[in-house]
C-alpha atoms as a PDB file:
ATOM      1  CA  UNK A   1       0.000   0.000   0.000  1.00  0.00           C
ATOM      2  CA  UNK A   2       1.453   3.339  -1.001  1.00  0.00           C
ATOM      3  CA  UNK A   3       1.573   6.300   1.358  1.00  0.00           C
ATOM      4  CA  UNK A   4      -0.384   9.258   0.005  1.00  0.00           C
ATOM      5  CA  UNK A   5       0.392  12.780   1.170  1.00  0.00           C
ATOM      6  CA  UNK A   6      -2.530  14.770   2.539  1.00  0.00           C
ATOM      7  CA  UNK A   7      -2.914  18.271   3.906  1.00  0.00           C
ATOM      8  CA  UNK A   8      -2.619  17.060   7.520  1.00  0.00           C
ATOM      9  CA  UNK A   9       0.859  16.368   8.938  1.00  0.00           C
ATOM     10  CA  UNK A  10       2.129  13.094   7.535  1.00  0.00           C
ATOM     11  CA  UNK A  11       2.052  10.265  10.052  1.00  0.00           C
ATOM     12  CA  UNK A  12       4.874   7.779  10.449  1.00  0.00           C
ATOM     13  CA  UNK A  13       3.301   4.498   9.363  1.00  0.00           C
ATOM     14  CA  UNK A  14       4.177   1.436  11.434  1.00  0.00           C
ATOM     15  CA  UNK A  15       3.404  -2.265  11.036  1.00  0.00           C
ATOM     16  CA  UNK A  16       0.728  -1.887  13.713  1.00  0.00           C
ATOM     17  CA  UNK A  17      -0.927   0.834  11.644  1.00  0.00           C
ATOM     18  CA  UNK A  18      -0.946  -1.373   8.569  1.00  0.00           C
ATOM     19  CA  UNK A  19      -2.377  -4.297  10.544  1.00  0.00           C
ATOM     20  CA  UNK A  20      -5.155  -2.053  11.881  1.00  0.00           C
ATOM     21  CA  UNK A  21      -6.039  -0.814   8.389  1.00  0.00           C
ATOM     22  CA  UNK A  22      -6.068  -4.404   7.135  1.00  0.00           C
ATOM     23  CA  UNK A  23      -8.580  -5.354   9.849  1.00  0.00           C
ATOM     24  CA  UNK A  24     -10.890  -2.505   8.889  1.00  0.00           C
ATOM     25  CA  UNK A  25     -10.712  -3.177   5.143  1.00  0.00           C
ATOM     26  CA  UNK A  26     -11.403  -6.871   5.774  1.00  0.00           C
ATOM     27  CA  UNK A  27     -14.497  -5.908   7.792  1.00  0.00           C
ATOM     28  CA  UNK A  28     -15.659  -3.576   5.013  1.00  0.00           C
ATOM     29  CA  UNK A  29     -15.250  -6.236   2.352  1.00  0.00           C
ATOM     30  CA  UNK A  30     -16.916  -8.910   4.476  1.00  0.00           C
ATOM     31  CA  UNK A  31     -20.032  -6.800   5.049  1.00  0.00           C
ATOM     32  CA  UNK A  32     -20.374  -4.093   2.389  1.00  0.00           C
ATOM     33  CA  UNK A  33     -24.094  -3.764   3.190  1.00  0.00           C
ATOM     34  CA  UNK A  34     -23.502  -2.700   6.805  1.00  0.00           C
ATOM     35  CA  UNK A  35     -23.753   1.035   7.450  1.00  0.00           C
ATOM     36  CA  UNK A  36     -20.568   1.319   9.478  1.00  0.00           C
ATOM     37  CA  UNK A  37     -19.829   4.561  11.306  1.00  0.00           C
ATOM     38  CA  UNK A  38     -16.435   6.165  11.759  1.00  0.00           C
ATOM     39  CA  UNK A  39     -16.569   5.242  15.443  1.00  0.00           C
ATOM     40  CA  UNK A  40     -17.097   1.577  14.540  1.00  0.00           C
ATOM     41  CA  UNK A  41     -14.187   1.618  12.097  1.00  0.00           C
ATOM     42  CA  UNK A  42     -12.006   3.248  14.752  1.00  0.00           C
ATOM     43  CA  UNK A  43     -13.027   0.625  17.301  1.00  0.00           C
ATOM     44  CA  UNK A  44     -12.034  -2.179  14.920  1.00  0.00           C
ATOM     45  CA  UNK A  45      -8.682  -0.452  14.406  1.00  0.00           C
ATOM     46  CA  UNK A  46      -8.235   0.301  18.142  1.00  0.00           C
ATOM     47  CA  UNK A  47      -7.587   4.001  17.504  1.00  0.00           C
ATOM     48  CA  UNK A  48      -9.480   7.189  18.216  1.00  0.00           C
ATOM     49  CA  UNK A  49     -11.829   8.220  15.356  1.00  0.00           C
ATOM     50  CA  UNK A  50      -9.711  11.294  14.563  1.00  0.00           C
ATOM     51  CA  UNK A  51      -6.433   9.390  14.472  1.00  0.00           C
ATOM     52  CA  UNK A  52      -7.961   6.513  12.496  1.00  0.00           C
ATOM     53  CA  UNK A  53      -9.489   8.840   9.864  1.00  0.00           C
ATOM     54  CA  UNK A  54      -6.097  10.511   9.283  1.00  0.00           C
ATOM     55  CA  UNK A  55      -4.308   7.171   9.218  1.00  0.00           C
ATOM     56  CA  UNK A  56      -6.738   5.538   6.786  1.00  0.00           C
ATOM     57  CA  UNK A  57      -6.644   8.459   4.377  1.00  0.00           C
ATOM     58  CA  UNK A  58      -2.859   8.600   4.427  1.00  0.00           C
ATOM     59  CA  UNK A  59      -2.444   4.867   3.778  1.00  0.00           C
ATOM     60  CA  UNK A  60      -5.351   4.237   1.389  1.00  0.00           C
ATOM     61  CA  UNK A  61      -5.672   7.660  -0.245  1.00  0.00           C
ATOM     62  CA  UNK A  62      -9.355   8.372   0.438  1.00  0.00           C
ATOM     63  CA  UNK A  63     -11.517   8.591   3.603  1.00  0.00           C
ATOM     64  CA  UNK A  64     -12.836   5.317   5.059  1.00  0.00           C
ATOM     65  CA  UNK A  65     -16.480   6.173   4.344  1.00  0.00           C
ATOM     66  CA  UNK A  66     -15.698   6.817   0.688  1.00  0.00           C
ATOM     67  CA  UNK A  67     -13.840   3.514   0.401  1.00  0.00           C
ATOM     68  CA  UNK A  68     -16.741   1.631   1.976  1.00  0.00           C
ATOM     69  CA  UNK A  69     -19.250   3.335  -0.344  1.00  0.00           C
ATOM     70  CA  UNK A  70     -17.158   2.230  -3.314  1.00  0.00           C
ATOM     71  CA  UNK A  71     -17.279  -1.368  -2.085  1.00  0.00           C
ATOM     72  CA  UNK A  72     -21.068  -1.204  -1.774  1.00  0.00           C
ATOM     73  CA  UNK A  73     -21.487  -0.012  -5.338  1.00  0.00           C
ATOM     74  CA  UNK A  74     -18.955  -2.537  -6.602  1.00  0.00           C
ATOM     75  CA  UNK A  75     -21.160  -5.202  -5.028  1.00  0.00           C
ATOM     76  CA  UNK A  76     -24.222  -3.642  -6.664  1.00  0.00           C
ATOM     77  CA  UNK A  77     -22.522  -3.888 -10.054  1.00  0.00           C
ATOM     78  CA  UNK A  78     -21.806  -7.575  -9.471  1.00  0.00           C
ATOM     79  CA  UNK A  79     -25.388  -8.295  -8.434  1.00  0.00           C
ATOM     80  CA  UNK A  80     -26.789  -6.454 -11.450  1.00  0.00           C
ATOM     81  CA  UNK A  81     -24.798  -8.585 -13.888  1.00  0.00           C
ATOM     82  CA  UNK A  82     -24.752 -11.949 -12.123  1.00  0.00           C
ATOM     83  CA  UNK A  83     -28.214 -12.277 -10.542  1.00  0.00           C
ATOM     84  CA  UNK A  84     -31.866 -11.775 -11.444  1.00  0.00           C
ATOM     85  CA  UNK A  85     -32.552  -9.663  -8.368  1.00  0.00           C
ATOM     86  CA  UNK A  86     -34.592  -6.559  -9.037  1.00  0.00           C
ATOM     87  CA  UNK A  87     -32.851  -3.193  -8.792  1.00  0.00           C
ATOM     88  CA  UNK A  88     -34.929  -2.462  -5.693  1.00  0.00           C
ATOM     89  CA  UNK A  89     -33.781  -5.696  -4.058  1.00  0.00           C
ATOM     90  CA  UNK A  90     -30.162  -4.911  -4.961  1.00  0.00           C
ATOM     91  CA  UNK A  91     -30.563  -1.454  -3.444  1.00  0.00           C
ATOM     92  CA  UNK A  92     -31.597  -3.072  -0.147  1.00  0.00           C
ATOM     93  CA  UNK A  93     -28.978  -5.831  -0.477  1.00  0.00           C
ATOM     94  CA  UNK A  94     -26.113  -3.318  -0.459  1.00  0.00           C
ATOM     95  CA  UNK A  95     -27.508  -1.400   2.499  1.00  0.00           C
ATOM     96  CA  UNK A  96     -29.572   1.448   1.045  1.00  0.00           C
ATOM     97  CA  UNK A  97     -33.234   2.086   1.825  1.00  0.00           C
ATOM     98  CA  UNK A  98     -33.981   4.668  -0.877  1.00  0.00           C
ATOM     99  CA  UNK A  99     -34.091   3.459  -4.478  1.00  0.00           C
ATOM    100  CA  UNK A 100     -33.939   7.019  -5.773  1.00  0.00           C
ATOM    101  CA  UNK A 101     -30.811   7.837  -3.795  1.00  0.00           C
ATOM    102  CA  UNK A 102     -29.198   4.530  -4.761  1.00  0.00           C
ATOM    103  CA  UNK A 103     -29.924   4.971  -8.497  1.00  0.00           C
ATOM    104  CA  UNK A 104     -28.758   8.588  -8.585  1.00  0.00           C
ATOM    105  CA  UNK A 105     -25.532   7.773  -6.779  1.00  0.00           C
ATOM    106  CA  UNK A 106     -24.970   4.697  -8.956  1.00  0.00           C
ATOM    107  CA  UNK A 107     -25.153   6.830 -12.093  1.00  0.00           C
ATOM    108  CA  UNK A 108     -22.782   9.400 -10.591  1.00  0.00           C
ATOM    109  CA  UNK A 109     -20.195   6.776  -9.684  1.00  0.00           C
ATOM    110  CA  UNK A 110     -20.503   4.259 -12.530  1.00  0.00           C
ATOM    111  CA  UNK A 111     -21.381   6.664 -15.347  1.00  0.00           C
ATOM    112  CA  UNK A 112     -24.661   4.931 -16.271  1.00  0.00           C
ATOM    113  CA  UNK A 113     -27.865   4.154 -14.387  1.00  0.00           C
ATOM    114  CA  UNK A 114     -28.322   0.663 -12.906  1.00  0.00           C
ATOM    115  CA  UNK A 115     -30.858  -0.488 -15.531  1.00  0.00           C
ATOM    116  CA  UNK A 116     -28.629   0.637 -18.399  1.00  0.00           C
ATOM    117  CA  UNK A 117     -25.581  -0.942 -16.768  1.00  0.00           C
ATOM    118  CA  UNK A 118     -27.433  -4.255 -16.349  1.00  0.00           C
ATOM    119  CA  UNK A 119     -28.262  -4.244 -20.067  1.00  0.00           C
ATOM    120  CA  UNK A 120     -24.723  -3.405 -21.199  1.00  0.00           C
ATOM    121  CA  UNK A 121     -23.579  -7.010 -21.829  1.00  0.00           C
ATOM    122  CA  UNK A 122     -26.190  -7.342 -24.586  1.00  0.00           C
ATOM    123  CA  UNK A 123     -25.195  -3.939 -25.935  1.00  0.00           C
ATOM    124  CA  UNK A 124     -21.478  -4.742 -26.003  1.00  0.00           C
ATOM    125  CA  UNK A 125     -22.073  -8.061 -27.725  1.00  0.00           C
ATOM    126  CA  UNK A 126     -24.260  -6.341 -30.309  1.00  0.00           C
ATOM    127  CA  UNK A 127     -21.619  -3.688 -30.940  1.00  0.00           C
ATOM    128  CA  UNK A 128     -18.927  -6.363 -31.231  1.00  0.00           C
ATOM    129  CA  UNK A 129     -20.969  -8.408 -33.697  1.00  0.00           C
ATOM    130  CA  UNK A 130     -21.904  -5.403 -35.813  1.00  0.00           C
ATOM    131  CA  UNK A 131     -18.510  -3.706 -35.477  1.00  0.00           C
ATOM    132  CA  UNK A 132     -20.356  -0.614 -34.296  1.00  0.00           C
ATOM    133  CA  UNK A 133     -17.793   0.643 -31.798  1.00  0.00           C
ATOM    134  CA  UNK A 134     -17.208   4.370 -32.301  1.00  0.00           C
ATOM    135  CA  UNK A 135     -14.249   5.350 -34.433  1.00  0.00           C
ATOM    136  CA  UNK A 136     -13.488   8.212 -32.062  1.00  0.00           C
ATOM    137  CA  UNK A 137     -12.358   6.586 -28.855  1.00  0.00           C
ATOM    138  CA  UNK A 138     -10.566   8.186 -25.951  1.00  0.00           C
ATOM    139  CA  UNK A 139      -9.025  10.723 -25.405  1.00  0.00           C
ATOM    140  CA  UNK A 140     -11.798  12.464 -23.504  1.00  0.00           C
ATOM    141  CA  UNK A 141     -10.993  16.139 -23.427  1.00  0.00           C
ATOM    142  CA  UNK A 142     -12.082  19.584 -24.512  1.00  0.00           C
ATOM    143  CA  UNK A 143     -10.557  21.826 -27.106  1.00  0.00           C
ATOM    144  CA  UNK A 144      -8.027  23.531 -24.828  1.00  0.00           C
ATOM    145  CA  UNK A 145      -6.148  22.974 -21.592  1.00  0.00           C
ATOM    146  CA  UNK A 146      -2.995  21.344 -20.341  1.00  0.00           C
ATOM    147  CA  UNK A 147      -1.455  18.022 -21.332  1.00  0.00           C
ATOM    148  CA  UNK A 148      -0.263  15.266 -18.990  1.00  0.00           C
ATOM    149  CA  UNK A 149       2.369  13.037 -20.567  1.00  0.00           C
ATOM    150  CA  UNK A 150       3.649   9.736 -19.290  1.00  0.00           C
ATOM    151  CA  UNK A 151       4.414   6.078 -19.855  1.00  0.00           C
ATOM    152  CA  UNK A 152       4.189   2.633 -18.250  1.00  0.00           C
ATOM    153  CA  UNK A 153       7.488   1.438 -16.828  1.00  0.00           C
ATOM    154  CA  UNK A 154       6.838  -2.308 -17.111  1.00  0.00           C
ATOM    155  CA  UNK A 155       4.458  -3.211 -19.955  1.00  0.00           C
ATOM    156  CA  UNK A 156       6.401  -6.440 -20.411  1.00  0.00           C
ATOM    157  CA  UNK A 157       4.601  -7.653 -17.258  1.00  0.00           C
ATOM    158  CA  UNK A 158       1.422  -8.050 -19.314  1.00  0.00           C
ATOM    159  CA  UNK A 159       1.028 -11.350 -21.188  1.00  0.00           C
ATOM    160  CA  UNK A 160      -0.966 -11.105 -24.398  1.00  0.00           C
ATOM    161  CA  UNK A 161      -3.042  -8.132 -25.565  1.00  0.00           C
ATOM    162  CA  UNK A 162      -4.244  -5.498 -23.092  1.00  0.00           C
ATOM    163  CA  UNK A 163      -5.839  -2.081 -23.183  1.00  0.00           C
ATOM    164  CA  UNK A 164      -5.060   0.681 -20.692  1.00  0.00           C
ATOM    165  CA  UNK A 165      -7.474   3.380 -19.613  1.00  0.00           C
ATOM    166  CA  UNK A 166      -5.550   6.324 -18.160  1.00  0.00           C
ATOM    167  CA  UNK A 167      -7.449   9.205 -16.584  1.00  0.00           C
ATOM    168  CA  UNK A 168      -7.150  12.271 -14.423  1.00  0.00           C
ATOM    169  CA  UNK A 169      -9.345  12.176 -11.332  1.00  0.00           C
ATOM    170  CA  UNK A 170      -9.875  14.704  -8.523  1.00  0.00           C
ATOM    171  CA  UNK A 171      -9.271  12.010  -5.867  1.00  0.00           C
ATOM    172  CA  UNK A 172      -7.595   8.611  -5.569  1.00  0.00           C
ATOM    173  CA  UNK A 173     -10.655   6.700  -6.776  1.00  0.00           C
ATOM    174  CA  UNK A 174     -11.801   6.078 -10.358  1.00  0.00           C
ATOM    175  CA  UNK A 175     -15.418   7.122 -10.046  1.00  0.00           C
ATOM    176  CA  UNK A 176     -17.562   8.700 -12.745  1.00  0.00           C
ATOM    177  CA  UNK A 177     -15.786   9.814 -15.912  1.00  0.00           C
ATOM    178  CA  UNK A 178     -12.283  11.290 -15.639  1.00  0.00           C
ATOM    179  CA  UNK A 179     -11.874  14.986 -16.282  1.00  0.00           C
ATOM    180  CA  UNK A 180      -9.636  13.911 -19.157  1.00  0.00           C
ATOM    181  CA  UNK A 181      -8.264  10.582 -20.242  1.00  0.00           C
ATOM    182  CA  UNK A 182      -6.926   8.305 -22.915  1.00  0.00           C
ATOM    183  CA  UNK A 183      -7.278   4.678 -23.974  1.00  0.00           C
ATOM    184  CA  UNK A 184      -4.010   3.281 -25.223  1.00  0.00           C
ATOM    185  CA  UNK A 185      -1.879   0.242 -25.786  1.00  0.00           C
ATOM    186  CA  UNK A 186       0.125   0.084 -22.520  1.00  0.00           C
ATOM    187  CA  UNK A 187       3.297  -0.421 -24.523  1.00  0.00           C
ATOM    188  CA  UNK A 188       2.898   3.115 -25.891  1.00  0.00           C
ATOM    189  CA  UNK A 189       3.375   6.460 -24.099  1.00  0.00           C
ATOM    190  CA  UNK A 190       0.312   8.542 -23.326  1.00  0.00           C
ATOM    191  CA  UNK A 191      -0.477  12.237 -23.658  1.00  0.00           C
ATOM    192  CA  UNK A 192      -3.743  13.277 -22.015  1.00  0.00           C
ATOM    193  CA  UNK A 193      -4.627  16.570 -23.693  1.00  0.00           C
ATOM    194  CA  UNK A 194      -7.258  19.167 -22.898  1.00  0.00           C
ATOM    195  CA  UNK A 195      -7.106  18.761 -19.119  1.00  0.00           C
ATOM    196  CA  UNK A 196      -8.646  21.707 -17.256  1.00  0.00           C
ATOM    197  CA  UNK A 197      -6.458  23.531 -14.761  1.00  0.00           C
ATOM    198  CA  UNK A 198      -6.374  21.796 -11.390  1.00  0.00           C
ATOM    199  CA  UNK A 199      -4.691  19.144  -9.279  1.00  0.00           C
ATOM    200  CA  UNK A 200      -5.382  15.519 -10.177  1.00  0.00           C
ATOM    201  CA  UNK A 201      -4.386  11.934  -9.532  1.00  0.00           C
ATOM    202  CA  UNK A 202      -3.270   9.895 -12.548  1.00  0.00           C
ATOM    203  CA  UNK A 203      -5.058   6.535 -12.331  1.00  0.00           C
ATOM    204  CA  UNK A 204      -4.991   3.668 -14.790  1.00  0.00           C
ATOM    205  CA  UNK A 205      -6.892   0.415 -15.172  1.00  0.00           C
ATOM    206  CA  UNK A 206      -5.342  -2.139 -17.523  1.00  0.00           C
ATOM    207  CA  UNK A 207      -7.642  -4.897 -18.747  1.00  0.00           C
ATOM    208  CA  UNK A 208      -7.327  -7.800 -21.220  1.00  0.00           C
ATOM    209  CA  UNK A 209      -8.548  -7.196 -24.762  1.00  0.00           C
ATOM    210  CA  UNK A 210     -10.168 -10.627 -24.770  1.00  0.00           C
ATOM    211  CA  UNK A 211     -13.033 -11.843 -22.618  1.00  0.00           C
ATOM    212  CA  UNK A 212     -16.794 -11.677 -22.638  1.00  0.00           C
ATOM    213  CA  UNK A 213     -18.953  -8.632 -22.031  1.00  0.00           C
ATOM    214  CA  UNK A 214     -19.501  -9.371 -18.331  1.00  0.00           C
ATOM    215  CA  UNK A 215     -15.754  -9.853 -17.860  1.00  0.00           C
ATOM    216  CA  UNK A 216     -15.140  -6.421 -19.351  1.00  0.00           C
ATOM    217  CA  UNK A 217     -17.714  -4.830 -17.054  1.00  0.00           C
ATOM    218  CA  UNK A 218     -16.504  -6.676 -13.933  1.00  0.00           C
ATOM    219  CA  UNK A 219     -12.754  -6.894 -14.582  1.00  0.00           C
ATOM    220  CA  UNK A 220     -11.572  -6.965 -10.960  1.00  0.00           C
ATOM    221  CA  UNK A 221     -10.194 -10.521 -11.080  1.00  0.00           C
ATOM    222  CA  UNK A 222      -8.027  -9.888 -14.138  1.00  0.00           C
ATOM    223  CA  UNK A 223      -7.434  -6.147 -13.950  1.00  0.00           C
ATOM    224  CA  UNK A 224      -4.075  -4.539 -13.335  1.00  0.00           C
ATOM    225  CA  UNK A 225      -3.722  -1.017 -11.969  1.00  0.00           C
ATOM    226  CA  UNK A 226      -1.202   1.807 -12.019  1.00  0.00           C
ATOM    227  CA  UNK A 227      -1.240   4.977  -9.931  1.00  0.00           C
ATOM    228  CA  UNK A 228       0.916   8.068 -10.183  1.00  0.00           C
ATOM    229  CA  UNK A 229       3.132   8.521  -7.128  1.00  0.00           C
ATOM    230  CA  UNK A 230       2.155  12.157  -6.657  1.00  0.00           C
ATOM    231  CA  UNK A 231      -0.716  14.417  -7.735  1.00  0.00           C
ATOM    232  CA  UNK A 232      -0.122  16.400 -10.930  1.00  0.00           C
ATOM    233  CA  UNK A 233      -0.808  20.118 -11.153  1.00  0.00           C
ATOM    234  CA  UNK A 234      -2.191  21.024 -14.568  1.00  0.00           C
ATOM    235  CA  UNK A 235      -2.065  24.503 -16.029  1.00  0.00           C
ATOM    236  CA  UNK A 236      -1.333  25.360 -19.637  1.00  0.00           C
ATOM    237  CA  UNK A 237       1.239  23.330 -21.486  1.00  0.00           C
ATOM    238  CA  UNK A 238       2.659  19.865 -20.871  1.00  0.00           C
ATOM    239  CA  UNK A 239       3.163  18.212 -17.477  1.00  0.00           C
ATOM    240  CA  UNK A 240       5.275  15.129 -16.870  1.00  0.00           C
ATOM    241  CA  UNK A 241       6.419  12.641 -17.821  1.00  0.00           C
ATOM    242  CA  UNK A 242       4.466  10.611 -15.260  1.00  0.00           C
ATOM    243  CA  UNK A 243       5.884   7.107 -14.780  1.00  0.00           C
ATOM    244  CA  UNK A 244       3.220   4.476 -14.023  1.00  0.00           C
ATOM    245  CA  UNK A 245       4.159   1.014 -12.782  1.00  0.00           C
ATOM    246  CA  UNK A 246       1.664  -1.749 -13.558  1.00  0.00           C
ATOM    247  CA  UNK A 247       0.811  -4.071 -10.669  1.00  0.00           C
ATOM    248  CA  UNK A 248      -1.899  -6.449  -9.532  1.00  0.00           C
ATOM    249  CA  UNK A 249      -4.844  -4.857  -7.764  1.00  0.00           C
ATOM    250  CA  UNK A 250      -4.907  -5.489  -3.998  1.00  0.00           C
ATOM    251  CA  UNK A 251      -7.763  -5.554  -1.465  1.00  0.00           C
ATOM    252  CA  UNK A 252      -6.619  -2.077  -0.389  1.00  0.00           C
ATOM    253  CA  UNK A 253      -7.156  -0.494  -3.793  1.00  0.00           C
ATOM    254  CA  UNK A 254     -10.512   1.239  -4.068  1.00  0.00           C
ATOM    255  CA  UNK A 255     -12.723  -0.437  -6.695  1.00  0.00           C
ATOM    256  CA  UNK A 256     -12.793   0.991 -10.204  1.00  0.00           C
ATOM    257  CA  UNK A 257     -16.458   1.946 -10.311  1.00  0.00           C
ATOM    258  CA  UNK A 258     -16.665   3.526 -13.758  1.00  0.00           C
ATOM    259  CA  UNK A 259     -17.959   1.192 -16.469  1.00  0.00           C
ATOM    260  CA  UNK A 260     -14.726   1.017 -18.461  1.00  0.00           C
ATOM    261  CA  UNK A 261     -16.230   0.129 -21.891  1.00  0.00           C
ATOM    262  CA  UNK A 262     -18.398   3.264 -21.675  1.00  0.00           C
ATOM    263  CA  UNK A 263     -15.187   5.315 -21.738  1.00  0.00           C
ATOM    264  CA  UNK A 264     -14.712   4.328 -25.371  1.00  0.00           C
ATOM    265  CA  UNK A 265     -17.337   6.971 -26.129  1.00  0.00           C
ATOM    266  CA  UNK A 266     -16.293  10.640 -25.991  1.00  0.00           C
ATOM    267  CA  UNK A 267     -19.308  11.691 -23.887  1.00  0.00           C
ATOM    268  CA  UNK A 268     -22.050  10.150 -21.793  1.00  0.00           C
ATOM    269  CA  UNK A 269     -24.568  11.297 -24.417  1.00  0.00           C
ATOM    270  CA  UNK A 270     -22.625   9.515 -27.153  1.00  0.00           C
ATOM    271  CA  UNK A 271     -22.644   6.329 -25.106  1.00  0.00           C
ATOM    272  CA  UNK A 272     -26.385   6.625 -24.490  1.00  0.00           C
ATOM    273  CA  UNK A 273     -27.004   7.161 -28.203  1.00  0.00           C
ATOM    274  CA  UNK A 274     -25.164   3.969 -29.085  1.00  0.00           C
ATOM    275  CA  UNK A 275     -26.974   2.118 -26.304  1.00  0.00           C
ATOM    276  CA  UNK A 276     -30.365   3.215 -27.642  1.00  0.00           C
ATOM    277  CA  UNK A 277     -29.312   2.314 -31.173  1.00  0.00           C
ATOM    278  CA  UNK A 278     -28.196  -1.123 -30.056  1.00  0.00           C
ATOM    279  CA  UNK A 279     -31.490  -1.786 -28.308  1.00  0.00           C
ATOM    280  CA  UNK A 280     -33.337  -0.838 -31.469  1.00  0.00           C
ATOM    281  CA  UNK A 281     -31.455  -3.659 -33.210  1.00  0.00           C
ATOM    282  CA  UNK A 282     -32.041  -5.977 -30.271  1.00  0.00           C
ATOM    283  CA  UNK A 283     -35.796  -5.434 -30.357  1.00  0.00           C
ATOM    284  CA  UNK A 284     -36.745  -8.604 -32.280  1.00  0.00           C
ATOM    285  CA  UNK A 285     -34.558 -10.791 -30.073  1.00  0.00           C
ATOM    286  CA  UNK A 286     -35.495  -9.391 -26.662  1.00  0.00           C
ATOM    287  CA  UNK A 287     -39.115  -8.475 -27.316  1.00  0.00           C
ATOM    288  CA  UNK A 288     -40.338  -5.092 -28.481  1.00  0.00           C
ATOM    289  CA  UNK A 289     -41.714  -4.052 -25.089  1.00  0.00           C
ATOM    290  CA  UNK A 290     -38.406  -4.756 -23.381  1.00  0.00           C
ATOM    291  CA  UNK A 291     -36.471  -2.941 -26.112  1.00  0.00           C
ATOM    292  CA  UNK A 292     -38.703   0.136 -25.840  1.00  0.00           C
ATOM    293  CA  UNK A 293     -38.315   0.075 -22.054  1.00  0.00           C
ATOM    294  CA  UNK A 294     -34.523  -0.055 -22.247  1.00  0.00           C
ATOM    295  CA  UNK A 295     -34.334   2.662 -24.916  1.00  0.00           C
ATOM    296  CA  UNK A 296     -36.270   4.892 -22.540  1.00  0.00           C
ATOM    297  CA  UNK A 297     -33.919   4.020 -19.672  1.00  0.00           C
ATOM    298  CA  UNK A 298     -30.863   4.906 -21.765  1.00  0.00           C
ATOM    299  CA  UNK A 299     -32.114   8.433 -22.447  1.00  0.00           C
END
């Protein structure tokens, strides 16, 4: 686990600190549906709430509540694609009692609403079969702004063919769409152009090119990650180079919540347009009523 600098004085991390964080993360992962409080996390760690909150953020990179929320929505993604539970039941299963709040937050974090996300495997397979993937893929950026340049230090660690999604995020968690990003072959350098001025973390998810639609939407078991050592400050002109080292994801990495295949579209609206188009083609196979329902959801 990498130490991340925060605005508070940096703590000296000991083995006892790491063991305490491991206990808390294990509890989070064992019961993502439980609405833990900071006091409960601190009790598990055997520290005061204030000291634990500082410690967790320094070691993990984000506050404990944010990490736990990410685990809950990661579980929701799994349930949407691997069970027949209704969205309402999934909402309750991951510890929320308001479907509206759950659905709104899901869309903010994943980039698509839960119903659209659940239907994405059919959409991806349709796009694959019809070769309908957009010709304009990442980068995601505007017409002006700074550029973050960088490279992967160890692409030889990847057997076979892989794709890397590299993005700039306000915090150390890949939620919603990045402010700017690029999809590349990890053997090639990257140059993320059009980044608005600000301070960002450079985060990357590297996933196999092969695999079924569900595997691409739930890549945790096969995914590799890479994180910039320090935040980057973007103004006008180039920044970098940022060296990213590819490694296996660990239980202490926050889940990648964004639906990675959706990043192949330059905007959310472009993704929704393709989704609606795909459902129009799927109509005969899935039933017209279902196709009309899902087209409406994708709007």
